[in-house]
Amino acid sequence: MVLKEVCVENASDVSKLIKHGVKRIELCDNLAEGGTTVSYGVAKHVMALCKGTQMKVMAMVRPRKGDFCYNDEEVTIMLDDIYMFRKLGVDGVVFGCITKERKLDKVTISRLLDVAEGLEVTFHMAFDELLVSERFDAIDWLAKKGVTRILTHGGHGRQTVEEVLWQWREYIEYAANKIIILPGGGITANNLDYIVKQTGAKEVHGTRVIDW
């Protein structure tokens, strides 16, 4: 059974997704900007809704829209947000940090991972902004650091599902038994079975991966 992670903006649809038997959500704000961190109030409300259910909550940690190169002040905010989410009882956090040279920002990632110890961690679509030559090494490094999964468009985000199927498959085959590759972008309830068959994905991500 493929795990379907539904990306939700704020809290309005969470109760409905629980009734649909969704096992995991990514909680974020500002989906139009690729997702940012929700407020304390939203996170607290969502966790109350999910208490006693089978739904896991992965919380986005991203202080602003735009690139994934963060200054010291922004990193401090991200650390504080992870602390907040831990206290609220989330199952995991979602973040990604790269340098201006489009390589992993290993120093910042390591700091965030230290605070997130014991939580699931998804490295989000900042992965797609890495230099192509850096991506397989990044898979290895993130796996060794204990990151749970990597969320990826498989391309630059404007390509069709058909154009990136081969890339998803290549990442999944390379990462086997090391780290989960989570395809996201353009996946719907209608094309999900085809994508899974073509890529071997065990998990998928999106706003439309189930009919609701």
C-alpha atoms as a PDB file:
ATOM      1  CA  MET A   1       0.000   0.000   0.000  1.00  0.00           C
ATOM      2  CA  VAL A   2       1.416   3.368  -1.056  1.00  0.00           C
ATOM      3  CA  LEU A   3       1.397   6.031   1.646  1.00  0.00           C
ATOM      4  CA  LYS A   4      -0.302   9.199   0.445  1.00  0.00           C
ATOM      5  CA  GLU A   5       0.902  12.359   2.154  1.00  0.00           C
ATOM      6  CA  VAL A   6      -1.544  15.210   1.651  1.00  0.00           C
ATOM      7  CA  CYS A   7      -0.211  18.748   1.747  1.00  0.00           C
ATOM      8  CA  VAL A   8      -2.625  21.009   3.628  1.00  0.00           C
ATOM      9  CA  GLU A   9      -2.671  24.742   4.114  1.00  0.00           C
ATOM     10  CA  ASN A  10      -3.741  25.626   7.645  1.00  0.00           C
ATOM     11  CA  ALA A  11      -6.389  23.596   9.486  1.00  0.00           C
ATOM     12  CA  SER A  12      -9.640  23.815   7.556  1.00  0.00           C
ATOM     13  CA  ASP A  13      -9.440  20.448   5.778  1.00  0.00           C
ATOM     14  CA  VAL A  14      -7.789  18.334   8.469  1.00  0.00           C
ATOM     15  CA  SER A  15     -10.992  16.883   9.948  1.00  0.00           C
ATOM     16  CA  LYS A  16     -12.167  15.875   6.498  1.00  0.00           C
ATOM     17  CA  LEU A  17      -8.868  14.162   5.738  1.00  0.00           C
ATOM     18  CA  ILE A  18      -8.997  12.271   9.023  1.00  0.00           C
ATOM     19  CA  LYS A  19     -12.428  10.916   8.024  1.00  0.00           C
ATOM     20  CA  HIS A  20     -10.931   9.848   4.676  1.00  0.00           C
ATOM     21  CA  GLY A  21      -8.333   7.784   6.523  1.00  0.00           C
ATOM     22  CA  VAL A  22      -5.306   9.829   5.425  1.00  0.00           C
ATOM     23  CA  LYS A  23      -2.256   8.602   7.323  1.00  0.00           C
ATOM     24  CA  ARG A  24       0.008  11.646   7.008  1.00  0.00           C
ATOM     25  CA  ILE A  25      -0.205  15.336   6.204  1.00  0.00           C
ATOM     26  CA  GLU A  26       2.350  18.025   5.566  1.00  0.00           C
ATOM     27  CA  LEU A  27       1.160  21.100   7.423  1.00  0.00           C
ATOM     28  CA  CYS A  28       2.181  24.435   5.942  1.00  0.00           C
ATOM     29  CA  ASP A  29       0.950  27.905   5.117  1.00  0.00           C
ATOM     30  CA  ASN A  30       1.174  29.840   1.830  1.00  0.00           C
ATOM     31  CA  LEU A  31       1.025  26.939  -0.601  1.00  0.00           C
ATOM     32  CA  ALA A  32       1.105  29.395  -3.489  1.00  0.00           C
ATOM     33  CA  GLU A  33       4.648  30.255  -2.387  1.00  0.00           C
ATOM     34  CA  GLY A  34       5.726  26.644  -1.931  1.00  0.00           C
ATOM     35  CA  GLY A  35       4.763  26.502   1.737  1.00  0.00           C
ATOM     36  CA  THR A  36       5.930  28.321   4.866  1.00  0.00           C
ATOM     37  CA  THR A  37       5.664  27.703   8.607  1.00  0.00           C
ATOM     38  CA  VAL A  38       2.182  27.839  10.123  1.00  0.00           C
ATOM     39  CA  SER A  39       1.431  29.822  13.264  1.00  0.00           C
ATOM     40  CA  TYR A  40       1.518  28.361  16.756  1.00  0.00           C
ATOM     41  CA  GLY A  41      -2.276  28.609  16.933  1.00  0.00           C
ATOM     42  CA  VAL A  42      -2.817  26.679  13.718  1.00  0.00           C
ATOM     43  CA  ALA A  43      -0.337  23.985  14.713  1.00  0.00           C
ATOM     44  CA  LYS A  44      -1.908  23.615  18.158  1.00  0.00           C
ATOM     45  CA  HIS A  45      -5.393  23.310  16.671  1.00  0.00           C
ATOM     46  CA  VAL A  46      -4.300  20.720  14.109  1.00  0.00           C
ATOM     47  CA  MET A  47      -2.546  18.617  16.736  1.00  0.00           C
ATOM     48  CA  ALA A  48      -5.699  18.667  18.856  1.00  0.00           C
ATOM     49  CA  LEU A  49      -7.713  17.443  15.860  1.00  0.00           C
ATOM     50  CA  CYS A  50      -5.217  14.663  15.163  1.00  0.00           C
ATOM     51  CA  LYS A  51      -4.869  13.469  18.753  1.00  0.00           C
ATOM     52  CA  GLY A  52      -6.000   9.874  19.049  1.00  0.00           C
ATOM     53  CA  THR A  53      -6.113   9.348  15.272  1.00  0.00           C
ATOM     54  CA  GLN A  54      -3.735   7.499  12.965  1.00  0.00           C
ATOM     55  CA  MET A  55      -2.791  10.687  11.133  1.00  0.00           C
ATOM     56  CA  LYS A  56       0.828  11.807  11.371  1.00  0.00           C
ATOM     57  CA  VAL A  57       1.694  15.492  11.090  1.00  0.00           C
ATOM     58  CA  MET A  58       4.809  16.718   9.325  1.00  0.00           C
ATOM     59  CA  ALA A  59       5.237  20.453   9.933  1.00  0.00           C
ATOM     60  CA  MET A  60       6.939  22.751   7.454  1.00  0.00           C
ATOM     61  CA  VAL A  61       9.818  24.825   8.857  1.00  0.00           C
ATOM     62  CA  ARG A  62      10.391  27.629   6.383  1.00  0.00           C
ATOM     63  CA  PRO A  63      10.391  31.227   7.636  1.00  0.00           C
ATOM     64  CA  ARG A  64       9.724  32.914   4.298  1.00  0.00           C
ATOM     65  CA  LYS A  65       9.113  32.381   0.626  1.00  0.00           C
ATOM     66  CA  GLY A  66      11.923  32.564  -1.893  1.00  0.00           C
ATOM     67  CA  ASP A  67      15.217  30.735  -1.898  1.00  0.00           C
ATOM     68  CA  PHE A  68      16.557  28.288   0.677  1.00  0.00           C
ATOM     69  CA  CYS A  69      19.690  30.203   1.680  1.00  0.00           C
ATOM     70  CA  TYR A  70      19.124  31.401   5.234  1.00  0.00           C
ATOM     71  CA  ASN A  71      20.929  33.989   7.338  1.00  0.00           C
ATOM     72  CA  ASP A  72      21.665  33.620  11.063  1.00  0.00           C
ATOM     73  CA  GLU A  73      18.458  35.340  12.136  1.00  0.00           C
ATOM     74  CA  GLU A  74      16.340  33.083   9.926  1.00  0.00           C
ATOM     75  CA  VAL A  75      18.125  29.981  11.207  1.00  0.00           C
ATOM     76  CA  THR A  76      17.368  31.048  14.774  1.00  0.00           C
ATOM     77  CA  ILE A  77      13.700  31.372  13.832  1.00  0.00           C
ATOM     78  CA  MET A  78      13.748  27.884  12.306  1.00  0.00           C
ATOM     79  CA  LEU A  79      15.326  26.417  15.428  1.00  0.00           C
ATOM     80  CA  ASP A  80      12.661  28.081  17.580  1.00  0.00           C
ATOM     81  CA  ASP A  81       9.920  26.752  15.320  1.00  0.00           C
ATOM     82  CA  ILE A  82      11.243  23.209  15.626  1.00  0.00           C
ATOM     83  CA  TYR A  83      11.235  23.606  19.421  1.00  0.00           C
ATOM     84  CA  MET A  84       7.627  24.803  19.186  1.00  0.00           C
ATOM     85  CA  PHE A  85       6.553  21.885  17.043  1.00  0.00           C
ATOM     86  CA  ARG A  86       8.285  19.399  19.340  1.00  0.00           C
ATOM     87  CA  LYS A  87       6.336  20.744  22.327  1.00  0.00           C
ATOM     88  CA  LEU A  88       3.088  20.443  20.372  1.00  0.00           C
ATOM     89  CA  GLY A  89       3.831  16.791  19.593  1.00  0.00           C
ATOM     90  CA  VAL A  90       4.246  16.769  15.821  1.00  0.00           C
ATOM     91  CA  ASP A  91       5.582  13.575  14.273  1.00  0.00           C
ATOM     92  CA  GLY A  92       8.128  15.315  12.118  1.00  0.00           C
ATOM     93  CA  VAL A  93       9.402  18.469  10.486  1.00  0.00           C
ATOM     94  CA  VAL A  94      10.100  19.469   6.907  1.00  0.00           C
ATOM     95  CA  PHE A  95      12.933  21.781   5.914  1.00  0.00           C
ATOM     96  CA  GLY A  96      15.722  22.310   3.418  1.00  0.00           C
ATOM     97  CA  CYS A  97      18.796  24.522   3.377  1.00  0.00           C
ATOM     98  CA  ILE A  98      21.269  25.101   0.571  1.00  0.00           C
ATOM     99  CA  THR A  99      24.130  27.496  -0.070  1.00  0.00           C
ATOM    100  CA  LYS A 100      24.360  30.216  -2.684  1.00  0.00           C
ATOM    101  CA  GLU A 101      26.590  27.805  -4.602  1.00  0.00           C
ATOM    102  CA  ARG A 102      23.604  25.405  -4.751  1.00  0.00           C
ATOM    103  CA  LYS A 103      25.129  22.808  -2.456  1.00  0.00           C
ATOM    104  CA  LEU A 104      23.765  21.420   0.802  1.00  0.00           C
ATOM    105  CA  ASP A 105      24.179  23.844   3.689  1.00  0.00           C
ATOM    106  CA  LYS A 106      25.509  21.073   5.907  1.00  0.00           C
ATOM    107  CA  VAL A 107      26.251  23.329   8.874  1.00  0.00           C
ATOM    108  CA  THR A 108      22.700  24.675   9.099  1.00  0.00           C
ATOM    109  CA  ILE A 109      21.109  21.316   8.361  1.00  0.00           C
ATOM    110  CA  SER A 110      23.138  19.717  11.136  1.00  0.00           C
ATOM    111  CA  ARG A 111      22.024  22.380  13.613  1.00  0.00           C
ATOM    112  CA  LEU A 112      18.386  21.831  12.710  1.00  0.00           C
ATOM    113  CA  LEU A 113      18.753  18.061  12.899  1.00  0.00           C
ATOM    114  CA  ASP A 114      20.196  18.322  16.397  1.00  0.00           C
ATOM    115  CA  VAL A 115      17.067  20.119  17.584  1.00  0.00           C
ATOM    116  CA  ALA A 116      14.805  17.736  15.627  1.00  0.00           C
ATOM    117  CA  GLU A 117      16.378  14.613  17.128  1.00  0.00           C
ATOM    118  CA  GLY A 118      13.753  11.917  17.592  1.00  0.00           C
ATOM    119  CA  LEU A 119      11.414  13.396  14.977  1.00  0.00           C
ATOM    120  CA  GLU A 120      10.991  12.284  11.389  1.00  0.00           C
ATOM    121  CA  VAL A 121      12.672  14.739   9.046  1.00  0.00           C
ATOM    122  CA  THR A 122      11.818  15.404   5.424  1.00  0.00           C
ATOM    123  CA  PHE A 123      14.300  17.395   3.355  1.00  0.00           C
ATOM    124  CA  HIS A 124      11.953  19.297   1.069  1.00  0.00           C
ATOM    125  CA  MET A 125      12.123  20.519  -2.508  1.00  0.00           C
ATOM    126  CA  ALA A 126      15.193  22.641  -1.851  1.00  0.00           C
ATOM    127  CA  PHE A 127      16.721  19.396  -3.091  1.00  0.00           C
ATOM    128  CA  ASP A 128      15.619  20.324  -6.620  1.00  0.00           C
ATOM    129  CA  GLU A 129      17.613  23.554  -6.417  1.00  0.00           C
ATOM    130  CA  LEU A 130      20.897  21.726  -5.862  1.00  0.00           C
ATOM    131  CA  LEU A 131      23.372  21.465  -8.693  1.00  0.00           C
ATOM    132  CA  VAL A 132      22.632  18.285 -10.613  1.00  0.00           C
ATOM    133  CA  SER A 133      26.168  17.127  -9.890  1.00  0.00           C
ATOM    134  CA  GLU A 134      25.482  17.436  -6.142  1.00  0.00           C
ATOM    135  CA  ARG A 135      22.240  15.503  -5.856  1.00  0.00           C
ATOM    136  CA  PHE A 136      23.398  11.907  -5.479  1.00  0.00           C
ATOM    137  CA  ASP A 137      26.044  12.903  -2.942  1.00  0.00           C
ATOM    138  CA  ALA A 138      23.305  14.838  -1.148  1.00  0.00           C
ATOM    139  CA  ILE A 139      21.154  11.706  -0.973  1.00  0.00           C
ATOM    140  CA  ASP A 140      24.050   9.836   0.635  1.00  0.00           C
ATOM    141  CA  TRP A 141      24.858  12.606   3.130  1.00  0.00           C
ATOM    142  CA  LEU A 142      21.247  13.161   4.203  1.00  0.00           C
ATOM    143  CA  ALA A 143      20.780   9.409   4.645  1.00  0.00           C
ATOM    144  CA  LYS A 144      23.882   9.189   6.843  1.00  0.00           C
ATOM    145  CA  LYS A 145      22.588  12.106   8.946  1.00  0.00           C
ATOM    146  CA  GLY A 146      19.379  10.203   9.670  1.00  0.00           C
ATOM    147  CA  VAL A 147      17.009  12.223   7.495  1.00  0.00           C
ATOM    148  CA  THR A 148      13.882  10.151   6.875  1.00  0.00           C
ATOM    149  CA  ARG A 149      12.978  11.199   3.344  1.00  0.00           C
ATOM    150  CA  ILE A 150      13.607  13.626   0.494  1.00  0.00           C
ATOM    151  CA  LEU A 151      10.679  15.382  -1.181  1.00  0.00           C
ATOM    152  CA  THR A 152      11.402  16.129  -4.833  1.00  0.00           C
ATOM    153  CA  HIS A 153       9.687  17.373  -7.976  1.00  0.00           C
ATOM    154  CA  GLY A 154      12.191  15.341  -9.939  1.00  0.00           C
ATOM    155  CA  GLY A 155      12.922  18.480 -11.952  1.00  0.00           C
ATOM    156  CA  HIS A 156      12.574  22.258 -11.760  1.00  0.00           C
ATOM    157  CA  GLY A 157       8.871  22.227 -10.880  1.00  0.00           C
ATOM    158  CA  ARG A 158       7.524  23.333 -14.243  1.00  0.00           C
ATOM    159  CA  GLN A 159       7.979  19.991 -15.973  1.00  0.00           C
ATOM    160  CA  THR A 160       5.128  17.546 -16.451  1.00  0.00           C
ATOM    161  CA  VAL A 161       4.892  14.288 -14.561  1.00  0.00           C
ATOM    162  CA  GLU A 162       5.753  12.428 -17.751  1.00  0.00           C
ATOM    163  CA  GLU A 163       8.953  14.439 -18.112  1.00  0.00           C
ATOM    164  CA  VAL A 164      10.234  13.633 -14.622  1.00  0.00           C
ATOM    165  CA  LEU A 165       9.189   9.996 -14.180  1.00  0.00           C
ATOM    166  CA  TRP A 166      12.648   8.766 -15.150  1.00  0.00           C
ATOM    167  CA  GLN A 167      14.281  11.090 -12.612  1.00  0.00           C
ATOM    168  CA  TRP A 168      12.037   9.958  -9.773  1.00  0.00           C
ATOM    169  CA  ARG A 169      12.795   6.352 -10.692  1.00  0.00           C
ATOM    170  CA  GLU A 170      16.544   7.018 -10.787  1.00  0.00           C
ATOM    171  CA  TYR A 171      16.512   8.683  -7.346  1.00  0.00           C
ATOM    172  CA  ILE A 172      14.358   5.917  -5.863  1.00  0.00           C
ATOM    173  CA  GLU A 173      16.590   3.164  -7.212  1.00  0.00           C
ATOM    174  CA  TYR A 174      19.741   4.927  -6.015  1.00  0.00           C
ATOM    175  CA  ALA A 175      18.334   5.657  -2.552  1.00  0.00           C
ATOM    176  CA  ALA A 176      16.937   2.149  -1.964  1.00  0.00           C
ATOM    177  CA  ASN A 177      17.436   0.946   1.626  1.00  0.00           C
ATOM    178  CA  LYS A 178      19.091   4.264   2.534  1.00  0.00           C
ATOM    179  CA  ILE A 179      16.423   6.979   2.528  1.00  0.00           C
ATOM    180  CA  ILE A 180      12.880   7.399   1.220  1.00  0.00           C
ATOM    181  CA  ILE A 181      12.399   9.410  -1.966  1.00  0.00           C
ATOM    182  CA  LEU A 182       9.019  11.159  -1.870  1.00  0.00           C
ATOM    183  CA  PRO A 183       7.788  12.250  -5.312  1.00  0.00           C
ATOM    184  CA  GLY A 184       5.651  15.371  -5.331  1.00  0.00           C
ATOM    185  CA  GLY A 185       4.285  17.754  -7.934  1.00  0.00           C
ATOM    186  CA  GLY A 186       1.517  17.021 -10.407  1.00  0.00           C
ATOM    187  CA  ILE A 187       0.500  13.771  -8.727  1.00  0.00           C
ATOM    188  CA  THR A 188      -3.250  13.205  -8.520  1.00  0.00           C
ATOM    189  CA  ALA A 189      -5.586  10.382  -7.573  1.00  0.00           C
ATOM    190  CA  ASN A 190      -5.998   9.752 -11.312  1.00  0.00           C
ATOM    191  CA  ASN A 191      -2.335   9.327 -12.275  1.00  0.00           C
ATOM    192  CA  LEU A 192      -1.009   7.993  -8.966  1.00  0.00           C
ATOM    193  CA  ASP A 193      -1.146   4.294  -9.856  1.00  0.00           C
ATOM    194  CA  TYR A 194       0.701   4.930 -13.101  1.00  0.00           C
ATOM    195  CA  ILE A 195       3.406   6.967 -11.347  1.00  0.00           C
ATOM    196  CA  VAL A 196       3.899   4.325  -8.665  1.00  0.00           C
ATOM    197  CA  LYS A 197       4.167   1.591 -11.288  1.00  0.00           C
ATOM    198  CA  GLN A 198       6.705   3.567 -13.312  1.00  0.00           C
ATOM    199  CA  THR A 199       8.868   4.734 -10.406  1.00  0.00           C
ATOM    200  CA  GLY A 200       8.533   2.164  -7.636  1.00  0.00           C
ATOM    201  CA  ALA A 201       7.596   4.909  -5.157  1.00  0.00           C
ATOM    202  CA  LYS A 202       6.408   3.751  -1.725  1.00  0.00           C
ATOM    203  CA  GLU A 203       5.139   7.203  -0.731  1.00  0.00           C
ATOM    204  CA  VAL A 204       3.704  10.114  -2.715  1.00  0.00           C
ATOM    205  CA  HIS A 205       2.965  13.731  -1.858  1.00  0.00           C
ATOM    206  CA  GLY A 206       0.539  16.377  -3.058  1.00  0.00           C
ATOM    207  CA  THR A 207      -2.685  18.291  -2.541  1.00  0.00           C
ATOM    208  CA  ARG A 208      -4.684  16.018  -4.877  1.00  0.00           C
ATOM    209  CA  VAL A 209      -3.327  12.531  -4.216  1.00  0.00           C
ATOM    210  CA  ILE A 210      -6.716  11.394  -2.898  1.00  0.00           C
ATOM    211  CA  ASP A 211     -10.277  12.093  -4.068  1.00  0.00           C
ATOM    212  CA  TRP A 212     -11.919  14.311  -1.501  1.00  0.00           C
END
